[in-house]
Amino acid sequence: MAQLEVPMLAGTDAGVPRAMFDKLVNTLEFYPYLGISNEKIIDMATTDAARALGIASETGRLAAGYRADILAVDGNPLEDLDALRIVRLVMASGRHE
């Protein structure tokens, strides 16, 4: 039997103001129960989402020539997604929010 690959994304189409970011983190914290690693969850919310939306050539990763959308947190979300709740800096299009 052939295995089909279905892309999974994590995020929202509503935009996520800083005050509501915890609600997005709540949804991200569901995925480990499905056996998905924190690294893959972060990819699903960034690079995979940008690819699915057709904007991967301009955003979704940190690289020269890409939009500077950066979230700096206190802790390592690869070890504990709860670190995403302690936001220290948000930059959108290279500007501090």
PDB file of N, CA and C in Angstrom:
ATOM      1  N   MET A   1       0.841  -1.175   0.000  1.00  0.00           N
ATOM      2  CA  MET A   1       0.000   0.000   0.000  1.00  0.00           C
ATOM      3  C   MET A   1       0.885   1.237   0.000  1.00  0.00           C
ATOM      4  N   ALA A   2       0.609   2.163  -0.899  1.00  0.00           N
ATOM      5  CA  ALA A   2       1.377   3.405  -0.984  1.00  0.00           C
ATOM      6  C   ALA A   2       1.026   4.317   0.181  1.00  0.00           C
ATOM      7  N   GLN A   3       2.038   4.986   0.662  1.00  0.00           N
ATOM      8  CA  GLN A   3       1.824   5.943   1.748  1.00  0.00           C
ATOM      9  C   GLN A   3       1.710   7.338   1.137  1.00  0.00           C
ATOM     10  N   LEU A   4       0.651   8.031   1.455  1.00  0.00           N
ATOM     11  CA  LEU A   4       0.439   9.387   0.955  1.00  0.00           C
ATOM     12  C   LEU A   4       0.997  10.386   1.955  1.00  0.00           C
ATOM     13  N   GLU A   5       1.641  11.403   1.445  1.00  0.00           N
ATOM     14  CA  GLU A   5       2.144  12.448   2.322  1.00  0.00           C
ATOM     15  C   GLU A   5       1.231  13.660   2.225  1.00  0.00           C
ATOM     16  N   VAL A   6       0.695  14.043   3.357  1.00  0.00           N
ATOM     17  CA  VAL A   6      -0.179  15.204   3.432  1.00  0.00           C
ATOM     18  C   VAL A   6       0.547  16.247   4.268  1.00  0.00           C
ATOM     19  N   PRO A   7       0.794  17.433   3.702  1.00  0.00           N
ATOM     20  CA  PRO A   7       1.486  18.450   4.503  1.00  0.00           C
ATOM     21  C   PRO A   7       0.630  18.896   5.682  1.00  0.00           C
ATOM     22  N   MET A   8       1.263  19.006   6.837  1.00  0.00           N
ATOM     23  CA  MET A   8       0.582  19.519   8.023  1.00  0.00           C
ATOM     24  C   MET A   8       1.186  20.877   8.348  1.00  0.00           C
ATOM     25  N   LEU A   9       0.325  21.819   8.665  1.00  0.00           N
ATOM     26  CA  LEU A   9       0.764  23.161   9.015  1.00  0.00           C
ATOM     27  C   LEU A   9       0.269  23.512  10.404  1.00  0.00           C
ATOM     28  N   ALA A  10       0.987  24.384  11.049  1.00  0.00           N
ATOM     29  CA  ALA A  10       0.573  24.893  12.350  1.00  0.00           C
ATOM     30  C   ALA A  10       0.496  26.400  12.235  1.00  0.00           C
ATOM     31  N   GLY A  11      -0.621  26.971  12.602  1.00  0.00           N
ATOM     32  CA  GLY A  11      -0.742  28.417  12.531  1.00  0.00           C
ATOM     33  C   GLY A  11      -2.184  28.839  12.423  1.00  0.00           C
ATOM     34  N   THR A  12      -2.369  30.061  11.993  1.00  0.00           N
ATOM     35  CA  THR A  12      -3.696  30.631  11.862  1.00  0.00           C
ATOM     36  C   THR A  12      -3.714  31.581  10.684  1.00  0.00           C
ATOM     37  N   ASP A  13      -4.852  31.748  10.074  1.00  0.00           N
ATOM     38  CA  ASP A  13      -4.969  32.710   8.981  1.00  0.00           C
ATOM     39  C   ASP A  13      -5.452  34.067   9.491  1.00  0.00           C
ATOM     40  N   ALA A  14      -5.591  34.195  10.789  1.00  0.00           N
ATOM     41  CA  ALA A  14      -6.131  35.418  11.372  1.00  0.00           C
ATOM     42  C   ALA A  14      -5.057  36.420  11.781  1.00  0.00           C
ATOM     43  N   GLY A  15      -3.799  36.042  11.660  1.00  0.00           N
ATOM     44  CA  GLY A  15      -2.737  36.899  12.191  1.00  0.00           C
ATOM     45  C   GLY A  15      -2.684  36.703  13.691  1.00  0.00           C
ATOM     46  N   VAL A  16      -1.541  36.902  14.267  1.00  0.00           N
ATOM     47  CA  VAL A  16      -1.397  36.642  15.698  1.00  0.00           C
ATOM     48  C   VAL A  16      -0.769  37.851  16.369  1.00  0.00           C
ATOM     49  N   PRO A  17      -1.610  38.765  16.904  1.00  0.00           N
ATOM     50  CA  PRO A  17      -1.033  39.879  17.663  1.00  0.00           C
ATOM     51  C   PRO A  17      -0.334  39.345  18.908  1.00  0.00           C
ATOM     52  N   ARG A  18       0.658  40.062  19.359  1.00  0.00           N
ATOM     53  CA  ARG A  18       1.457  39.599  20.495  1.00  0.00           C
ATOM     54  C   ARG A  18       0.586  39.210  21.694  1.00  0.00           C
ATOM     55  N   ALA A  19      -0.471  39.958  21.955  1.00  0.00           N
ATOM     56  CA  ALA A  19      -1.330  39.687  23.114  1.00  0.00           C
ATOM     57  C   ALA A  19      -2.043  38.343  23.002  1.00  0.00           C
ATOM     58  N   MET A  20      -2.181  37.800  21.791  1.00  0.00           N
ATOM     59  CA  MET A  20      -2.902  36.535  21.605  1.00  0.00           C
ATOM     60  C   MET A  20      -1.969  35.377  21.287  1.00  0.00           C
ATOM     61  N   PHE A  21      -0.657  35.590  21.370  1.00  0.00           N
ATOM     62  CA  PHE A  21       0.294  34.566  20.966  1.00  0.00           C
ATOM     63  C   PHE A  21       0.158  33.293  21.789  1.00  0.00           C
ATOM     64  N   ASP A  22      -0.196  33.403  23.084  1.00  0.00           N
ATOM     65  CA  ASP A  22      -0.359  32.213  23.928  1.00  0.00           C
ATOM     66  C   ASP A  22      -1.376  31.245  23.346  1.00  0.00           C
ATOM     67  N   LYS A  23      -2.416  31.761  22.693  1.00  0.00           N
ATOM     68  CA  LYS A  23      -3.422  30.877  22.102  1.00  0.00           C
ATOM     69  C   LYS A  23      -2.818  30.061  20.972  1.00  0.00           C
ATOM     70  N   LEU A  24      -1.910  30.652  20.211  1.00  0.00           N
ATOM     71  CA  LEU A  24      -1.220  29.896  19.171  1.00  0.00           C
ATOM     72  C   LEU A  24      -0.324  28.840  19.799  1.00  0.00           C
ATOM     73  N   VAL A  25       0.364  29.202  20.870  1.00  0.00           N
ATOM     74  CA  VAL A  25       1.223  28.232  21.560  1.00  0.00           C
ATOM     75  C   VAL A  25       0.376  27.065  22.064  1.00  0.00           C
ATOM     76  N   ASN A  26      -0.828  27.346  22.561  1.00  0.00           N
ATOM     77  CA  ASN A  26      -1.718  26.260  23.006  1.00  0.00           C
ATOM     78  C   ASN A  26      -1.960  25.261  21.886  1.00  0.00           C
ATOM     79  N   THR A  27      -2.161  25.738  20.670  1.00  0.00           N
ATOM     80  CA  THR A  27      -2.407  24.807  19.564  1.00  0.00           C
ATOM     81  C   THR A  27      -1.137  24.049  19.205  1.00  0.00           C
ATOM     82  N   LEU A  28       0.014  24.706  19.281  1.00  0.00           N
ATOM     83  CA  LEU A  28       1.270  24.020  18.974  1.00  0.00           C
ATOM     84  C   LEU A  28       1.542  22.897  19.966  1.00  0.00           C
ATOM     85  N   GLU A  29       1.142  23.091  21.213  1.00  0.00           N
ATOM     86  CA  GLU A  29       1.404  22.092  22.247  1.00  0.00           C
ATOM     87  C   GLU A  29       0.577  20.814  22.073  1.00  0.00           C
ATOM     88  N   PHE A  30      -0.373  20.824  21.159  1.00  0.00           N
ATOM     89  CA  PHE A  30      -1.159  19.623  20.864  1.00  0.00           C
ATOM     90  C   PHE A  30      -0.353  18.610  20.047  1.00  0.00           C
ATOM     91  N   TYR A  31       0.491  19.092  19.156  1.00  0.00           N
ATOM     92  CA  TYR A  31       1.171  18.223  18.197  1.00  0.00           C
ATOM     93  C   TYR A  31       2.097  17.167  18.813  1.00  0.00           C
ATOM     94  N   PRO A  32       2.790  17.439  19.941  1.00  0.00           N
ATOM     95  CA  PRO A  32       3.602  16.365  20.524  1.00  0.00           C
ATOM     96  C   PRO A  32       2.774  15.121  20.889  1.00  0.00           C
ATOM     97  N   TYR A  33       1.497  15.320  21.196  1.00  0.00           N
ATOM     98  CA  TYR A  33       0.640  14.171  21.506  1.00  0.00           C
ATOM     99  C   TYR A  33       0.435  13.279  20.289  1.00  0.00           C
ATOM    100  N   LEU A  34       0.706  13.822  19.105  1.00  0.00           N
ATOM    101  CA  LEU A  34       0.620  13.049  17.865  1.00  0.00           C
ATOM    102  C   LEU A  34       1.965  12.438  17.497  1.00  0.00           C
ATOM    103  N   GLY A  35       2.959  12.654  18.357  1.00  0.00           N
ATOM    104  CA  GLY A  35       4.284  12.112  18.110  1.00  0.00           C
ATOM    105  C   GLY A  35       5.158  12.993  17.237  1.00  0.00           C
ATOM    106  N   ILE A  36       4.790  14.254  17.088  1.00  0.00           N
ATOM    107  CA  ILE A  36       5.551  15.177  16.245  1.00  0.00           C
ATOM    108  C   ILE A  36       6.579  15.902  17.115  1.00  0.00           C
ATOM    109  N   SER A  37       7.823  15.954  16.630  1.00  0.00           N
ATOM    110  CA  SER A  37       8.898  16.598  17.392  1.00  0.00           C
ATOM    111  C   SER A  37       8.717  18.109  17.423  1.00  0.00           C
ATOM    112  N   ASN A  38       9.298  18.733  18.438  1.00  0.00           N
ATOM    113  CA  ASN A  38       9.229  20.195  18.541  1.00  0.00           C
ATOM    114  C   ASN A  38       9.866  20.861  17.323  1.00  0.00           C
ATOM    115  N   GLU A  39      10.945  20.301  16.818  1.00  0.00           N
ATOM    116  CA  GLU A  39      11.594  20.866  15.633  1.00  0.00           C
ATOM    117  C   GLU A  39      10.638  20.862  14.440  1.00  0.00           C
ATOM    118  N   LYS A  40       9.931  19.760  14.232  1.00  0.00           N
ATOM    119  CA  LYS A  40       8.984  19.676  13.123  1.00  0.00           C
ATOM    120  C   LYS A  40       7.807  20.627  13.341  1.00  0.00           C
ATOM    121  N   ILE A  41       7.353  20.779  14.580  1.00  0.00           N
ATOM    122  CA  ILE A  41       6.243  21.693  14.882  1.00  0.00           C
ATOM    123  C   ILE A  41       6.632  23.123  14.517  1.00  0.00           C
ATOM    124  N   ILE A  42       7.849  23.525  14.869  1.00  0.00           N
ATOM    125  CA  ILE A  42       8.303  24.873  14.534  1.00  0.00           C
ATOM    126  C   ILE A  42       8.423  25.021  13.018  1.00  0.00           C
ATOM    127  N   ASP A  43       8.913  23.989  12.338  1.00  0.00           N
ATOM    128  CA  ASP A  43       8.942  24.021  10.866  1.00  0.00           C
ATOM    129  C   ASP A  43       7.532  24.163  10.292  1.00  0.00           C
ATOM    130  N   MET A  44       6.569  23.455  10.877  1.00  0.00           N
ATOM    131  CA  MET A  44       5.180  23.516  10.400  1.00  0.00           C
ATOM    132  C   MET A  44       4.619  24.929  10.511  1.00  0.00           C
ATOM    133  N   ALA A  45       5.044  25.668  11.535  1.00  0.00           N
ATOM    134  CA  ALA A  45       4.529  27.023  11.768  1.00  0.00           C
ATOM    135  C   ALA A  45       5.325  28.090  11.017  1.00  0.00           C
ATOM    136  N   THR A  46       6.447  27.707  10.413  1.00  0.00           N
ATOM    137  CA  THR A  46       7.297  28.705   9.747  1.00  0.00           C
ATOM    138  C   THR A  46       7.537  28.306   8.295  1.00  0.00           C
ATOM    139  N   THR A  47       8.563  27.534   8.040  1.00  0.00           N
ATOM    140  CA  THR A  47       8.947  27.213   6.659  1.00  0.00           C
ATOM    141  C   THR A  47       7.864  26.451   5.906  1.00  0.00           C
ATOM    142  N   ASP A  48       7.243  25.475   6.557  1.00  0.00           N
ATOM    143  CA  ASP A  48       6.194  24.690   5.875  1.00  0.00           C
ATOM    144  C   ASP A  48       4.981  25.559   5.556  1.00  0.00           C
ATOM    145  N   ALA A  49       4.600  26.428   6.495  1.00  0.00           N
ATOM    146  CA  ALA A  49       3.455  27.315   6.266  1.00  0.00           C
ATOM    147  C   ALA A  49       3.750  28.296   5.137  1.00  0.00           C
ATOM    148  N   ALA A  50       4.959  28.857   5.117  1.00  0.00           N
ATOM    149  CA  ALA A  50       5.330  29.791   4.041  1.00  0.00           C
ATOM    150  C   ALA A  50       5.293  29.087   2.685  1.00  0.00           C
ATOM    151  N   ARG A  51       5.785  27.856   2.640  1.00  0.00           N
ATOM    152  CA  ARG A  51       5.767  27.089   1.394  1.00  0.00           C
ATOM    153  C   ARG A  51       4.325  26.849   0.935  1.00  0.00           C
ATOM    154  N   ALA A  52       3.456  26.456   1.845  1.00  0.00           N
ATOM    155  CA  ALA A  52       2.058  26.160   1.495  1.00  0.00           C
ATOM    156  C   ALA A  52       1.322  27.411   1.018  1.00  0.00           C
ATOM    157  N   LEU A  53       1.706  28.563   1.554  1.00  0.00           N
ATOM    158  CA  LEU A  53       1.061  29.821   1.172  1.00  0.00           C
ATOM    159  C   LEU A  53       1.677  30.446  -0.075  1.00  0.00           C
ATOM    160  N   GLY A  54       2.710  29.816  -0.603  1.00  0.00           N
ATOM    161  CA  GLY A  54       3.345  30.326  -1.810  1.00  0.00           C
ATOM    162  C   GLY A  54       4.232  31.543  -1.587  1.00  0.00           C
ATOM    163  N   ILE A  55       4.686  31.734  -0.348  1.00  0.00           N
ATOM    164  CA  ILE A  55       5.532  32.896  -0.049  1.00  0.00           C
ATOM    165  C   ILE A  55       6.897  32.476   0.501  1.00  0.00           C
ATOM    166  N   ALA A  56       7.292  31.246   0.251  1.00  0.00           N
ATOM    167  CA  ALA A  56       8.549  30.724   0.786  1.00  0.00           C
ATOM    168  C   ALA A  56       9.776  31.418   0.198  1.00  0.00           C
ATOM    169  N   SER A  57       9.622  32.122  -0.909  1.00  0.00           N
ATOM    170  CA  SER A  57      10.770  32.826  -1.488  1.00  0.00           C
ATOM    171  C   SER A  57      11.028  34.155  -0.798  1.00  0.00           C
ATOM    172  N   GLU A  58      10.140  34.558   0.118  1.00  0.00           N
ATOM    173  CA  GLU A  58      10.322  35.840   0.806  1.00  0.00           C
ATOM    174  C   GLU A  58      10.259  35.758   2.321  1.00  0.00           C
ATOM    175  N   THR A  59       9.721  34.677   2.860  1.00  0.00           N
ATOM    176  CA  THR A  59       9.584  34.570   4.322  1.00  0.00           C
ATOM    177  C   THR A  59       9.563  33.098   4.730  1.00  0.00           C
ATOM    178  N   GLY A  60       9.625  32.861   6.034  1.00  0.00           N
ATOM    179  CA  GLY A  60       9.553  31.499   6.543  1.00  0.00           C
ATOM    180  C   GLY A  60      10.866  30.972   7.067  1.00  0.00           C
ATOM    181  N   ARG A  61      11.955  31.722   6.837  1.00  0.00           N
ATOM    182  CA  ARG A  61      13.252  31.328   7.376  1.00  0.00           C
ATOM    183  C   ARG A  61      14.135  32.561   7.490  1.00  0.00           C
ATOM    184  N   LEU A  62      15.192  32.439   8.280  1.00  0.00           N
ATOM    185  CA  LEU A  62      16.152  33.531   8.426  1.00  0.00           C
ATOM    186  C   LEU A  62      17.244  33.358   7.376  1.00  0.00           C
ATOM    187  N   ALA A  63      17.265  34.254   6.415  1.00  0.00           N
ATOM    188  CA  ALA A  63      18.271  34.211   5.359  1.00  0.00           C
ATOM    189  C   ALA A  63      18.359  35.575   4.702  1.00  0.00           C
ATOM    190  N   ALA A  64      19.499  35.858   4.104  1.00  0.00           N
ATOM    191  CA  ALA A  64      19.688  37.129   3.401  1.00  0.00           C
ATOM    192  C   ALA A  64      18.619  37.279   2.325  1.00  0.00           C
ATOM    193  N   GLY A  65      18.008  38.466   2.268  1.00  0.00           N
ATOM    194  CA  GLY A  65      16.996  38.754   1.265  1.00  0.00           C
ATOM    195  C   GLY A  65      15.580  38.376   1.661  1.00  0.00           C
ATOM    196  N   TYR A  66      15.402  37.724   2.795  1.00  0.00           N
ATOM    197  CA  TYR A  66      14.074  37.353   3.276  1.00  0.00           C
ATOM    198  C   TYR A  66      13.573  38.412   4.243  1.00  0.00           C
ATOM    199  N   ARG A  67      12.233  38.492   4.386  1.00  0.00           N
ATOM    200  CA  ARG A  67      11.657  39.400   5.377  1.00  0.00           C
ATOM    201  C   ARG A  67      12.176  39.020   6.755  1.00  0.00           C
ATOM    202  N   ALA A  68      12.509  39.999   7.545  1.00  0.00           N
ATOM    203  CA  ALA A  68      13.048  39.728   8.874  1.00  0.00           C
ATOM    204  C   ALA A  68      11.907  39.631   9.880  1.00  0.00           C
ATOM    205  N   ASP A  69      11.252  38.478   9.925  1.00  0.00           N
ATOM    206  CA  ASP A  69      10.232  38.204  10.933  1.00  0.00           C
ATOM    207  C   ASP A  69      10.887  37.300  11.970  1.00  0.00           C
ATOM    208  N   ILE A  70      11.064  37.840  13.166  1.00  0.00           N
ATOM    209  CA  ILE A  70      11.831  37.136  14.190  1.00  0.00           C
ATOM    210  C   ILE A  70      11.063  37.156  15.503  1.00  0.00           C
ATOM    211  N   LEU A  71      11.054  36.028  16.177  1.00  0.00           N
ATOM    212  CA  LEU A  71      10.497  35.913  17.521  1.00  0.00           C
ATOM    213  C   LEU A  71      11.617  35.416  18.416  1.00  0.00           C
ATOM    214  N   ALA A  72      12.034  36.227  19.378  1.00  0.00           N
ATOM    215  CA  ALA A  72      13.054  35.827  20.343  1.00  0.00           C
ATOM    216  C   ALA A  72      12.354  35.484  21.647  1.00  0.00           C
ATOM    217  N   VAL A  73      12.679  34.315  22.183  1.00  0.00           N
ATOM    218  CA  VAL A  73      12.035  33.846  23.408  1.00  0.00           C
ATOM    219  C   VAL A  73      13.081  33.528  24.462  1.00  0.00           C
ATOM    220  N   ASP A  74      12.622  33.411  25.695  1.00  0.00           N
ATOM    221  CA  ASP A  74      13.487  33.055  26.810  1.00  0.00           C
ATOM    222  C   ASP A  74      13.411  31.542  26.988  1.00  0.00           C
ATOM    223  N   GLY A  75      14.365  30.843  26.468  1.00  0.00           N
ATOM    224  CA  GLY A  75      14.371  29.389  26.554  1.00  0.00           C
ATOM    225  C   GLY A  75      14.558  28.781  25.179  1.00  0.00           C
ATOM    226  N   ASN A  76      14.511  27.474  25.125  1.00  0.00           N
ATOM    227  CA  ASN A  76      14.729  26.750  23.883  1.00  0.00           C
ATOM    228  C   ASN A  76      13.462  25.979  23.513  1.00  0.00           C
ATOM    229  N   PRO A  77      12.688  26.466  22.538  1.00  0.00           N
ATOM    230  CA  PRO A  77      11.457  25.762  22.170  1.00  0.00           C
ATOM    231  C   PRO A  77      11.694  24.393  21.536  1.00  0.00           C
ATOM    232  N   LEU A  78      12.930  24.104  21.120  1.00  0.00           N
ATOM    233  CA  LEU A  78      13.228  22.757  20.628  1.00  0.00           C
ATOM    234  C   LEU A  78      13.188  21.747  21.766  1.00  0.00           C
ATOM    235  N   GLU A  79      13.438  22.232  22.983  1.00  0.00           N
ATOM    236  CA  GLU A  79      13.372  21.376  24.166  1.00  0.00           C
ATOM    237  C   GLU A  79      12.016  21.451  24.852  1.00  0.00           C
ATOM    238  N   ASP A  80      11.409  22.654  24.844  1.00  0.00           N
ATOM    239  CA  ASP A  80      10.146  22.864  25.552  1.00  0.00           C
ATOM    240  C   ASP A  80       9.353  23.958  24.834  1.00  0.00           C
ATOM    241  N   LEU A  81       8.247  23.595  24.192  1.00  0.00           N
ATOM    242  CA  LEU A  81       7.439  24.573  23.458  1.00  0.00           C
ATOM    243  C   LEU A  81       6.915  25.686  24.360  1.00  0.00           C
ATOM    244  N   ASP A  82       6.818  25.420  25.642  1.00  0.00           N
ATOM    245  CA  ASP A  82       6.342  26.433  26.583  1.00  0.00           C
ATOM    246  C   ASP A  82       7.258  27.661  26.590  1.00  0.00           C
ATOM    247  N   ALA A  83       8.495  27.509  26.133  1.00  0.00           N
ATOM    248  CA  ALA A  83       9.412  28.649  26.039  1.00  0.00           C
ATOM    249  C   ALA A  83       8.850  29.724  25.113  1.00  0.00           C
ATOM    250  N   LEU A  84       7.987  29.345  24.187  1.00  0.00           N
ATOM    251  CA  LEU A  84       7.380  30.317  23.269  1.00  0.00           C
ATOM    252  C   LEU A  84       6.467  31.303  23.985  1.00  0.00           C
ATOM    253  N   ARG A  85       6.097  31.011  25.211  1.00  0.00           N
ATOM    254  CA  ARG A  85       5.226  31.910  25.982  1.00  0.00           C
ATOM    255  C   ARG A  85       5.991  33.099  26.576  1.00  0.00           C
ATOM    256  N   ILE A  86       7.314  32.974  26.663  1.00  0.00           N
ATOM    257  CA  ILE A  86       8.125  34.025  27.280  1.00  0.00           C
ATOM    258  C   ILE A  86       8.812  34.805  26.158  1.00  0.00           C
ATOM    259  N   VAL A  87       8.042  35.678  25.525  1.00  0.00           N
ATOM    260  CA  VAL A  87       8.499  36.434  24.365  1.00  0.00           C
ATOM    261  C   VAL A  87       9.332  37.627  24.824  1.00  0.00           C
ATOM    262  N   ARG A  88      10.538  37.738  24.270  1.00  0.00           N
ATOM    263  CA  ARG A  88      11.443  38.844  24.597  1.00  0.00           C
ATOM    264  C   ARG A  88      11.491  39.894  23.494  1.00  0.00           C
ATOM    265  N   LEU A  89      11.278  39.478  22.239  1.00  0.00           N
ATOM    266  CA  LEU A  89      11.376  40.412  21.124  1.00  0.00           C
ATOM    267  C   LEU A  89      10.559  39.878  19.954  1.00  0.00           C
ATOM    268  N   VAL A  90       9.829  40.768  19.317  1.00  0.00           N
ATOM    269  CA  VAL A  90       9.110  40.443  18.088  1.00  0.00           C
ATOM    270  C   VAL A  90       9.536  41.453  17.034  1.00  0.00           C
ATOM    271  N   MET A  91       9.974  40.939  15.895  1.00  0.00           N
ATOM    272  CA  MET A  91      10.298  41.798  14.758  1.00  0.00           C
ATOM    273  C   MET A  91       9.468  41.317  13.567  1.00  0.00           C
ATOM    274  N   ALA A  92       8.842  42.250  12.889  1.00  0.00           N
ATOM    275  CA  ALA A  92       8.079  41.939  11.682  1.00  0.00           C
ATOM    276  C   ALA A  92       8.587  42.835  10.564  1.00  0.00           C
ATOM    277  N   SER A  93       8.972  42.221   9.471  1.00  0.00           N
ATOM    278  CA  SER A  93       9.562  42.959   8.348  1.00  0.00           C
ATOM    279  C   SER A  93      10.733  43.829   8.790  1.00  0.00           C
ATOM    280  N   GLY A  94      11.521  43.313   9.732  1.00  0.00           N
ATOM    281  CA  GLY A  94      12.714  44.019  10.181  1.00  0.00           C
ATOM    282  C   GLY A  94      12.480  45.132  11.183  1.00  0.00           C
ATOM    283  N   ARG A  95      11.241  45.267  11.662  1.00  0.00           N
ATOM    284  CA  ARG A  95      10.923  46.336  12.613  1.00  0.00           C
ATOM    285  C   ARG A  95      10.480  45.730  13.944  1.00  0.00           C
ATOM    286  N   HIS A  96      10.913  46.364  15.015  1.00  0.00           N
ATOM    287  CA  HIS A  96      10.533  45.936  16.363  1.00  0.00           C
ATOM    288  C   HIS A  96       9.053  46.209  16.576  1.00  0.00           C
ATOM    289  N   GLU A  97       8.344  45.214  17.077  1.00  0.00           N
ATOM    290  CA  GLU A  97       6.897  45.363  17.343  1.00  0.00           C
ATOM    291  C   GLU A  97       6.687  45.736  18.796  1.00  0.00           C
TER     292      GLU A  97
END
